Structures are given as C-alpha cells and as structure tokens.
C-alpha cells in the first residue's frame, strides 16, 4: 500500500523542512520532497508538524492499567494510550516484585508481543528488584533483593529484557552488569546510593544508562558528586529525563540541556497507571497511591509514585523550559533511544526508515500516530484504528 503525507513541516534531529511530502510504501519511507503521485491514502498535513514516532523506554502504565497487572487487556489499553501520546515504540516496564510475579508479568508481555500489531514492543524494561532499599522511593521495599544473574536471564529467555535498572553498588551488581551486557541487555543505574567511583566502576563493567535522572539517586555535592555528577560529566552514560517539571524542575531541565550533549539525553514518561487520571487513588507495586492535580504520591511518606506525564506533554515542557525548538532536542525522544538499544531504522523520518511518524498541531498535541505506515491513532475519533 502507498501512503502520501502532504505538506508537513518535517522535523528531524537538527533539521526543519517546511512543506514536505512523505511517501510511504510497504511500511517504510521511500521518498521525501514534493510529489504529484496518487496514493491509496493521502493525509493532508497542512499546518501540522511531522516528528519521528517517539520511543518510550520507561513506562509502567496508563489510565488505570499497569504492566504489573500481568494482563493482556491492561497491556493493550496502555498501548492505546501510548499511541495517543505519539509513542510508536514502547518498553513495558516492571516494578520491584517477587520472581514468580515477574515471571508472570514477563510471560504476559511475551504473549502481548505475539498478538499486538499496533505499537512496536521490542522487549521490556525491568526496573528492580536489585535496588538499594534506602533509595526505594515508590518501589516496594518488601521485594528488594540482591542481584541474581540466573533470575534475570530466566526472564530474558521468556521475553527480551532490553534494559535492567539496578543499584550498581550492591554486592554482585558488577557481575550482573557484565553478564547482562554479554546477552545484549542495557544496564542502567537506579534507586541507588552509589558514589561517583561506584558509577565509574559500573561503567567500566558495561553500565550505560541512568534511570529517571536526578530521582532516587545520590545528589550532586561539592565533596562527592555522586550519580547526578556522573550523569552530567561522564560521556559513557546516557540519562533518562522525566520532563514533567515535577521530577525535574524547569531550571534543572535547562541545566541538563545546557551541560549534557544532546546525544546523551533520553526523554521518558515513567508513566504509571495514574497517568490520564487527574485525581483519584491507585496502587503501585502493592503500595497505596494518591493522585491529586495530576501528581501521584505514596499515601505513606508522600514520595513521588512515578509520573502522570504523557509523552507529547514532555515535548511541550522541554520547549517551554529551555526555549529550544523541536529540531534542537527531538533526537532525545527517539533517535537516541534507537541508537542506544540497537533498534534499526527508527528515530528519523528519512528514506529507508520505518514509517513511524507522529503528527502534531500548532499547540503540540497529537493529531495522528502512524506505525509502519498505518494510522494507529487519530484525534478525529480519538481511538485506535481497526
């Protein structure tokens, strides 16, 4: 099938092109320019901006559904909400749970990957259970345990673990990092009391990411720069940022984009079941959560319980906080993730790439989400295409 997107403003990393047509055949982009060819489907993108479909590598849930429900219905529901946010590739993300529960969750994700034909799902992000109890945040400390290579590889054998988030200072963490890297699993520091030296040793072992940068990790201090200091200066590390202006305030977002090279920044949502819900209650990993004015916190202690951020809102927040134009940071929403996780032909709107495209209106809201050349979300009806 041939699809033609007409007259879009085309955004790629460091590039903006006005009044561009995008020709799509068999799920891939074949040409960009100005065309008079007819096509089976013509999408008028006049007044709209086309960006590469966003890749959310850290998202636990949405609109009342949680990956840890271990439910196909929940996964499909989250996928629909992700598509409505302009996300075309998603890593379902787990929480700190007992191994038997993780096996159930990962088995369900494996079934979802077989049955799903709307959003790309190359694998999972396993966050915990190998974290520092002192930095558990909204993770359930009851299930925290030491790194276990056999447990991780057992999960990886069921469905690909694309990322494992762990505390690298724990006994056995470096061995797990080496083993994970040998199996193609990206390792990320999370919920950690690591020193700068700990992070450096972990990077030597193969650590390449920092999970939800600035949150649940050692802060920058003038006598010990910690994990935050490592993220700001270590060129081996990519940092996940939650651009909701809550987990990272606007000044911190400005600082990050001022100091850290663009290729090391990856926008995530870290969304939980509370996203798409403004006020109410839920649970996260078995812990009660209160949602008020779009902010989710544990009922006990008040720790932030993940994010309610929608991906397209992250774009709006970065632009508003930094003053940058989309082309100045769009690589942080897809290209960097694709490169880091070795996801081929994703992250750009260019010939030969998968036709994963998000169309935004002038306000930065999602009008249409296209995956493999097929419209999977349209704001006209607010639903997923059949």
Protein backbone atom coordinates (compact mmCIF):
# COMPACT_ATOMS: atom_id res chain seq x y z
CA UNK A 1 0.00 0.00 0.00
CA UNK A 2 1.19 3.52 -0.86
CA UNK A 3 0.50 6.40 1.52
CA UNK A 4 1.32 10.06 0.93
CA UNK A 5 1.58 12.62 3.74
CA UNK A 6 1.25 16.02 2.10
CA UNK A 7 2.64 19.42 3.07
CA UNK A 8 4.03 18.72 6.55
CA UNK A 9 6.66 20.63 8.48
CA UNK A 10 9.25 17.88 8.82
CA UNK A 11 11.34 17.72 12.00
CA UNK A 12 14.44 15.55 12.30
CA UNK A 13 17.46 15.91 14.59
CA UNK A 14 18.98 19.32 13.82
CA UNK A 15 16.72 19.74 10.79
CA UNK A 16 13.44 21.52 9.95
CA UNK A 17 11.94 21.39 6.45
CA UNK A 18 8.76 23.17 5.52
CA UNK A 19 6.08 21.96 3.08
CA UNK A 20 7.38 18.41 2.68
CA UNK A 21 5.59 15.37 1.29
CA UNK A 22 6.43 11.95 2.72
CA UNK A 23 5.88 8.91 0.50
CA UNK A 24 5.38 5.60 2.30
CA UNK A 25 5.30 2.14 0.73
CA UNK A 26 5.11 -1.24 2.46
CA UNK A 27 5.56 0.33 5.86
CA UNK A 28 8.74 2.25 5.06
CA UNK A 29 9.53 5.78 3.95
CA UNK A 30 10.62 5.75 0.31
CA UNK A 31 10.93 9.43 -0.59
CA UNK A 32 10.66 12.93 0.82
CA UNK A 33 10.07 16.02 -1.31
CA UNK A 34 7.16 17.28 -3.41
CA UNK A 35 5.11 14.70 -5.30
CA UNK A 36 2.16 14.64 -7.64
CA UNK A 37 1.78 10.85 -7.46
CA UNK A 38 -1.52 9.40 -6.44
CA UNK A 39 -1.63 7.04 -3.47
CA UNK A 40 -4.18 4.73 -1.90
CA UNK A 41 -4.16 7.00 1.14
CA UNK A 42 -3.44 10.74 1.19
CA UNK A 43 -3.04 12.52 4.52
CA UNK A 44 -3.28 16.30 4.41
CA UNK A 45 -0.72 17.56 6.95
CA UNK A 46 -1.09 21.27 6.14
CA UNK A 47 -0.38 23.20 9.33
CA UNK A 48 0.92 20.07 11.08
CA UNK A 49 4.40 19.05 12.20
CA UNK A 50 5.74 15.56 11.50
CA UNK A 51 8.20 14.16 14.04
CA UNK A 52 9.71 10.67 14.33
CA UNK A 53 7.41 8.44 16.36
CA UNK A 54 8.51 8.69 19.98
CA UNK A 55 10.17 5.77 21.77
CA UNK A 56 9.20 5.47 25.45
CA UNK A 57 11.75 3.17 27.05
CA UNK A 58 10.38 3.58 30.59
CA UNK A 59 6.63 3.39 31.17
CA UNK A 60 4.78 1.28 33.75
CA UNK A 61 1.18 2.01 32.85
CA UNK A 62 -1.59 4.41 31.92
CA UNK A 63 -5.23 5.19 32.62
CA UNK A 64 -5.74 2.67 35.40
CA UNK A 65 -3.77 -0.14 33.74
CA UNK A 66 -0.39 -1.38 34.97
CA UNK A 67 2.19 -3.65 33.35
CA UNK A 68 2.35 -5.47 36.69
CA UNK A 69 -1.31 -6.44 36.29
CA UNK A 70 0.09 -9.26 34.14
CA UNK A 71 -2.97 -8.82 31.94
CA UNK A 72 -3.17 -8.73 28.15
CA UNK A 73 -6.10 -6.33 28.39
CA UNK A 74 -4.00 -3.96 30.51
CA UNK A 75 -1.09 -4.06 28.06
CA UNK A 76 -3.36 -3.37 25.09
CA UNK A 77 -5.00 -0.49 26.98
CA UNK A 78 -1.63 1.06 27.87
CA UNK A 79 -0.52 0.67 24.25
CA UNK A 80 -3.59 2.58 23.07
CA UNK A 81 -2.86 5.42 25.46
CA UNK A 82 0.80 5.48 24.39
CA UNK A 83 -0.26 5.77 20.74
CA UNK A 84 -2.50 8.71 21.67
CA UNK A 85 0.61 10.36 23.19
CA UNK A 86 2.54 9.98 19.92
CA UNK A 87 4.58 6.97 21.09
CA UNK A 88 5.20 4.33 18.42
CA UNK A 89 7.67 2.10 20.31
CA UNK A 90 7.20 1.16 23.97
CA UNK A 91 9.10 -0.90 26.53
CA UNK A 92 6.62 -2.19 29.15
CA UNK A 93 8.35 -1.53 32.46
CA UNK A 94 8.14 -3.67 35.58
CA UNK A 95 8.40 -2.82 39.27
CA UNK A 96 10.19 -4.49 42.17
CA UNK A 97 8.26 -7.75 42.58
CA UNK A 98 8.89 -11.36 43.66
CA UNK A 99 10.47 -13.52 40.95
CA UNK A 100 7.31 -15.62 40.50
CA UNK A 101 5.31 -12.44 39.84
CA UNK A 102 7.95 -11.14 37.43
CA UNK A 103 7.79 -14.42 35.50
CA UNK A 104 4.00 -13.97 35.23
CA UNK A 105 4.41 -10.38 34.04
CA UNK A 106 7.12 -11.16 31.51
CA UNK A 107 5.17 -14.16 30.18
CA UNK A 108 2.20 -11.86 29.60
CA UNK A 109 4.41 -9.36 27.78
CA UNK A 110 5.70 -12.20 25.58
CA UNK A 111 2.09 -13.04 24.65
CA UNK A 112 1.38 -9.36 24.01
CA UNK A 113 4.36 -9.16 21.64
CA UNK A 114 2.93 -12.10 19.69
CA UNK A 115 -0.62 -10.72 19.46
CA UNK A 116 -0.01 -6.95 19.30
CA UNK A 117 0.04 -5.34 15.85
CA UNK A 118 -0.36 -1.67 16.74
CA UNK A 119 2.66 -0.42 18.71
CA UNK A 120 6.24 -1.66 18.46
CA UNK A 121 7.31 -3.61 21.54
CA UNK A 122 10.91 -4.87 21.16
CA UNK A 123 11.08 -6.03 24.79
CA UNK A 124 10.91 -4.92 28.41
CA UNK A 125 12.50 -2.57 30.85
CA UNK A 126 12.99 -4.44 34.13
CA UNK A 127 13.23 -1.86 36.92
CA UNK A 128 14.28 -3.53 40.17
CA UNK A 129 14.24 -5.70 42.19
CA UNK A 130 18.01 -5.27 42.54
CA UNK A 131 17.90 -1.79 44.03
CA UNK A 132 19.11 -0.08 47.21
CA UNK A 133 16.41 -0.29 49.87
CA UNK A 134 17.43 3.16 51.17
CA UNK A 135 16.55 4.65 47.77
CA UNK A 136 13.47 2.51 47.07
CA UNK A 137 11.24 5.57 46.60
CA UNK A 138 7.88 4.23 45.40
CA UNK A 139 9.26 0.73 44.78
CA UNK A 140 8.05 -1.85 47.29
CA UNK A 141 10.95 -2.46 49.72
CA UNK A 142 9.44 -5.80 50.74
CA UNK A 143 10.61 -7.35 47.47
CA UNK A 144 14.05 -5.72 47.18
CA UNK A 145 16.88 -8.26 46.89
CA UNK A 146 20.48 -8.66 45.78
CA UNK A 147 21.39 -9.03 42.08
CA UNK A 148 20.79 -12.51 40.71
CA UNK A 149 22.07 -13.32 37.23
CA UNK A 150 20.04 -16.53 36.95
CA UNK A 151 16.79 -14.71 37.76
CA UNK A 152 17.46 -12.03 35.15
CA UNK A 153 18.42 -14.48 32.40
CA UNK A 154 15.35 -16.60 33.14
CA UNK A 155 13.18 -13.54 32.48
CA UNK A 156 15.21 -12.62 29.40
CA UNK A 157 14.60 -16.11 27.99
CA UNK A 158 10.83 -15.54 28.15
CA UNK A 159 10.82 -12.07 26.54
CA UNK A 160 13.78 -9.82 25.66
CA UNK A 161 14.95 -7.62 28.51
CA UNK A 162 16.15 -4.52 26.67
CA UNK A 163 17.04 -2.67 29.92
CA UNK A 164 17.72 -3.71 33.50
CA UNK A 165 17.72 -0.93 36.12
CA UNK A 166 19.67 -1.74 39.29
CA UNK A 167 21.81 -0.25 42.05
CA UNK A 168 25.42 -0.82 40.93
CA UNK A 169 26.88 -0.55 44.45
CA UNK A 170 25.15 -3.74 45.61
CA UNK A 171 27.14 -6.98 46.07
CA UNK A 172 27.05 -8.91 42.81
CA UNK A 173 25.93 -5.91 40.72
CA UNK A 174 29.08 -5.69 38.60
CA UNK A 175 28.90 -9.40 37.81
CA UNK A 176 25.27 -8.99 36.76
CA UNK A 177 26.14 -5.99 34.59
CA UNK A 178 28.82 -7.98 32.78
CA UNK A 179 26.50 -10.94 32.26
CA UNK A 180 23.64 -8.74 31.10
CA UNK A 181 25.82 -6.93 28.58
CA UNK A 182 27.01 -10.28 27.23
CA UNK A 183 23.34 -11.07 26.48
CA UNK A 184 22.64 -7.68 24.86
CA UNK A 185 20.81 -6.19 27.85
CA UNK A 186 21.40 -2.48 28.52
CA UNK A 187 22.24 -1.74 32.16
CA UNK A 188 21.06 1.38 33.96
CA UNK A 189 21.69 2.72 37.47
CA UNK A 190 18.52 3.24 39.52
CA UNK A 191 17.36 3.66 43.11
CA UNK A 192 20.97 3.88 44.11
CA UNK A 193 23.25 5.28 46.81
CA UNK A 194 26.27 4.86 44.56
CA UNK A 195 29.25 7.18 44.73
CA UNK A 196 30.84 8.66 41.64
CA UNK A 197 33.54 5.98 41.91
CA UNK A 198 30.88 3.25 42.07
CA UNK A 199 29.32 4.56 38.86
CA UNK A 200 32.72 4.75 37.15
CA UNK A 201 33.43 1.12 38.05
CA UNK A 202 29.98 0.12 36.81
CA UNK A 203 30.54 1.98 33.53
CA UNK A 204 33.79 0.06 33.08
CA UNK A 205 31.75 -3.15 33.56
CA UNK A 206 29.20 -2.05 30.94
CA UNK A 207 26.68 0.31 32.58
CA UNK A 208 25.47 2.87 30.02
CA UNK A 209 22.25 4.45 31.35
CA UNK A 210 21.00 6.34 34.40
CA UNK A 211 17.32 5.73 35.20
CA UNK A 212 14.99 8.72 35.86
CA UNK A 213 17.96 11.05 36.27
CA UNK A 214 18.04 13.09 39.48
CA UNK A 215 15.45 10.93 41.23
CA UNK A 216 16.20 8.16 43.75
CA UNK A 217 19.95 8.60 43.34
CA UNK A 218 22.82 10.35 45.13
CA UNK A 219 22.73 14.08 44.55
CA UNK A 220 25.47 16.43 43.44
CA UNK A 221 27.57 17.55 46.41
CA UNK A 222 30.80 19.52 46.50
CA UNK A 223 32.64 16.74 48.32
CA UNK A 224 31.03 13.80 46.48
CA UNK A 225 29.42 14.42 43.11
CA UNK A 226 27.50 11.15 43.20
CA UNK A 227 25.32 9.70 40.46
CA UNK A 228 23.99 13.09 39.38
CA UNK A 229 27.55 14.35 38.92
CA UNK A 230 28.40 11.25 36.90
CA UNK A 231 25.42 11.86 34.63
CA UNK A 232 26.46 15.44 34.00
CA UNK A 233 30.07 14.68 33.08
CA UNK A 234 30.64 11.03 32.13
CA UNK A 235 30.48 10.69 28.34
CA UNK A 236 29.83 6.94 28.63
CA UNK A 237 26.41 7.47 30.19
CA UNK A 238 23.01 8.32 28.75
CA UNK A 239 20.45 9.84 31.10
CA UNK A 240 16.69 9.32 31.24
CA UNK A 241 14.77 12.52 31.97
CA UNK A 242 11.15 12.82 33.12
CA UNK A 243 10.19 16.17 31.61
CA UNK A 244 7.09 16.75 33.71
CA UNK A 245 8.62 19.78 35.56
CA UNK A 246 7.94 17.88 38.81
CA UNK A 247 10.59 15.14 38.87
CA UNK A 248 12.92 17.71 37.29
CA UNK A 249 12.08 21.37 37.75
CA UNK A 250 12.31 23.72 34.74
CA UNK A 251 15.67 25.09 35.94
CA UNK A 252 17.09 21.54 36.13
CA UNK A 253 15.83 20.81 32.62
CA UNK A 254 17.57 23.98 31.44
CA UNK A 255 20.77 22.97 33.23
CA UNK A 256 20.73 19.49 31.70
CA UNK A 257 20.28 20.77 28.17
CA UNK A 258 22.94 23.42 28.78
CA UNK A 259 25.57 20.96 30.05
CA UNK A 260 24.83 17.48 28.68
CA UNK A 261 25.33 16.79 24.95
CA UNK A 262 22.04 16.05 23.20
CA UNK A 263 23.09 12.53 22.21
CA UNK A 264 23.22 11.52 25.90
CA UNK A 265 19.70 12.66 26.82
CA UNK A 266 16.62 10.42 26.51
CA UNK A 267 13.15 11.66 27.36
CA UNK A 268 10.91 9.13 29.13
CA UNK A 269 7.49 9.34 30.75
CA UNK A 270 7.95 6.85 33.63
CA UNK A 271 4.16 6.90 33.47
CA UNK A 272 2.18 4.76 35.87
CA UNK A 273 -1.47 3.72 36.00
CA UNK A 274 -2.20 7.20 37.37
CA UNK A 275 -1.43 8.85 34.04
CA UNK A 276 -4.53 10.04 32.19
CA UNK A 277 -6.15 10.36 35.65
CA UNK A 278 -6.14 13.78 37.30
CA UNK A 279 -7.42 12.85 40.76
CA UNK A 280 -8.06 9.53 42.49
CA UNK A 281 -6.39 6.55 44.13
CA UNK A 282 -4.48 3.50 42.89
CA UNK A 283 -1.76 1.11 43.96
CA UNK A 284 1.82 0.84 42.69
CA UNK A 285 3.62 -2.42 43.36
CA UNK A 286 1.16 -3.07 46.17
CA UNK A 287 1.62 0.38 47.76
CA UNK A 288 -1.35 2.80 48.08
CA UNK A 289 -1.04 5.94 45.92
CA UNK A 290 -2.99 9.20 45.95
CA UNK A 291 -3.34 11.22 42.73
CA UNK A 292 -4.02 14.92 43.20
CA UNK A 293 -3.88 17.52 40.42
CA UNK A 294 -2.08 15.05 38.19
CA UNK A 295 0.69 14.26 40.71
CA UNK A 296 0.95 10.72 42.10
CA UNK A 297 2.44 10.22 45.57
CA UNK A 298 2.58 7.35 48.02
CA UNK A 299 -0.07 7.74 50.70
CA UNK A 300 2.53 6.86 53.31
CA UNK A 301 5.52 9.18 53.24
CA UNK A 302 4.47 11.21 50.19
CA UNK A 303 7.23 10.01 47.83
CA UNK A 304 6.56 10.62 44.15
CA UNK A 305 5.00 7.43 42.78
CA UNK A 306 6.04 7.55 39.16
CA UNK A 307 4.78 10.10 36.70
CA UNK A 308 1.47 11.01 35.09
CA UNK A 309 3.30 12.58 32.15
CA UNK A 310 2.10 11.99 28.60
CA UNK A 311 4.89 11.87 26.02
CA UNK A 312 3.72 14.83 23.92
CA UNK A 313 3.46 16.93 27.09
CA UNK A 314 7.15 16.20 27.67
CA UNK A 315 7.91 17.85 24.32
CA UNK A 316 5.89 20.90 25.31
CA UNK A 317 7.60 21.12 28.71
CA UNK A 318 11.12 20.88 27.30
CA UNK A 319 10.38 23.57 24.73
CA UNK A 320 8.83 25.85 27.36
CA UNK A 321 11.57 25.26 29.95
CA UNK A 322 14.59 25.56 27.66
CA UNK A 323 13.43 27.78 24.80
CA UNK A 324 14.75 25.18 22.35
CA UNK A 325 13.00 24.41 19.09
CA UNK A 326 11.86 20.85 18.33
CA UNK A 327 14.74 20.17 15.96
CA UNK A 328 17.18 21.09 18.73
CA UNK A 329 16.05 18.27 21.02
CA UNK A 330 13.85 15.87 19.02
CA UNK A 331 16.67 13.29 18.94
CA UNK A 332 16.13 12.91 22.71
CA UNK A 333 12.68 11.40 22.09
CA UNK A 334 13.52 8.65 19.60
CA UNK A 335 16.87 8.69 17.79
CA UNK A 336 18.99 8.39 20.93
CA UNK A 337 16.84 5.55 22.25
CA UNK A 338 17.03 3.70 18.94
CA UNK A 339 20.79 4.05 18.80
CA UNK A 340 21.35 3.08 22.42
CA UNK A 341 19.15 -0.04 22.22
CA UNK A 342 20.17 -1.01 18.66
CA UNK A 343 16.67 -0.61 17.20
CA UNK A 344 17.30 -0.37 13.45
CA UNK A 345 15.57 2.08 11.09
CA UNK A 346 13.85 4.03 13.85
CA UNK A 347 14.19 7.58 15.12
CA UNK A 348 14.24 9.59 11.88
CA UNK A 349 11.89 10.46 9.05
CA UNK A 350 14.11 9.51 6.15
CA UNK A 351 14.10 7.12 3.17
CA UNK A 352 14.65 3.54 4.27
CA UNK A 353 13.36 4.13 7.80
CA UNK A 354 10.20 2.62 9.22
CA UNK A 355 7.23 4.91 8.64
CA UNK A 356 6.72 5.60 12.36
CA UNK A 357 5.52 9.21 12.38
CA UNK A 358 3.65 11.45 14.80
CA UNK A 359 1.74 14.47 13.52
CA UNK A 360 1.38 17.39 15.94
CA UNK A 361 -0.76 20.51 15.70
CA UNK A 362 0.46 24.02 16.45
CA UNK A 363 -0.21 23.52 20.18
CA UNK A 364 1.99 20.41 20.25
CA UNK A 365 -0.90 17.99 20.68
CA UNK A 366 -1.09 14.68 18.84
CA UNK A 367 -3.31 14.64 15.76
CA UNK A 368 -2.23 11.31 14.29
CA UNK A 369 0.15 8.48 15.14
CA UNK A 370 1.40 6.27 12.32
CA UNK A 371 3.24 2.97 12.87
CA UNK A 372 4.70 1.16 9.90
CA UNK A 373 2.71 3.38 7.54
CA UNK A 374 -0.64 2.57 9.21
CA UNK A 375 -2.60 5.12 11.23
CA UNK A 376 -2.98 3.67 14.73
CA UNK A 377 -4.38 6.77 16.40
CA UNK A 378 -6.35 9.68 15.01
CA UNK A 379 -7.60 12.61 17.06
CA UNK A 380 -10.63 12.82 14.78
CA UNK A 381 -12.18 9.87 16.54
CA UNK A 382 -9.81 9.59 19.49
CA UNK A 383 -9.47 5.85 19.05
CA UNK A 384 -7.20 3.21 17.62
CA UNK A 385 -7.76 2.18 14.04
CA UNK A 386 -9.04 -1.39 13.49
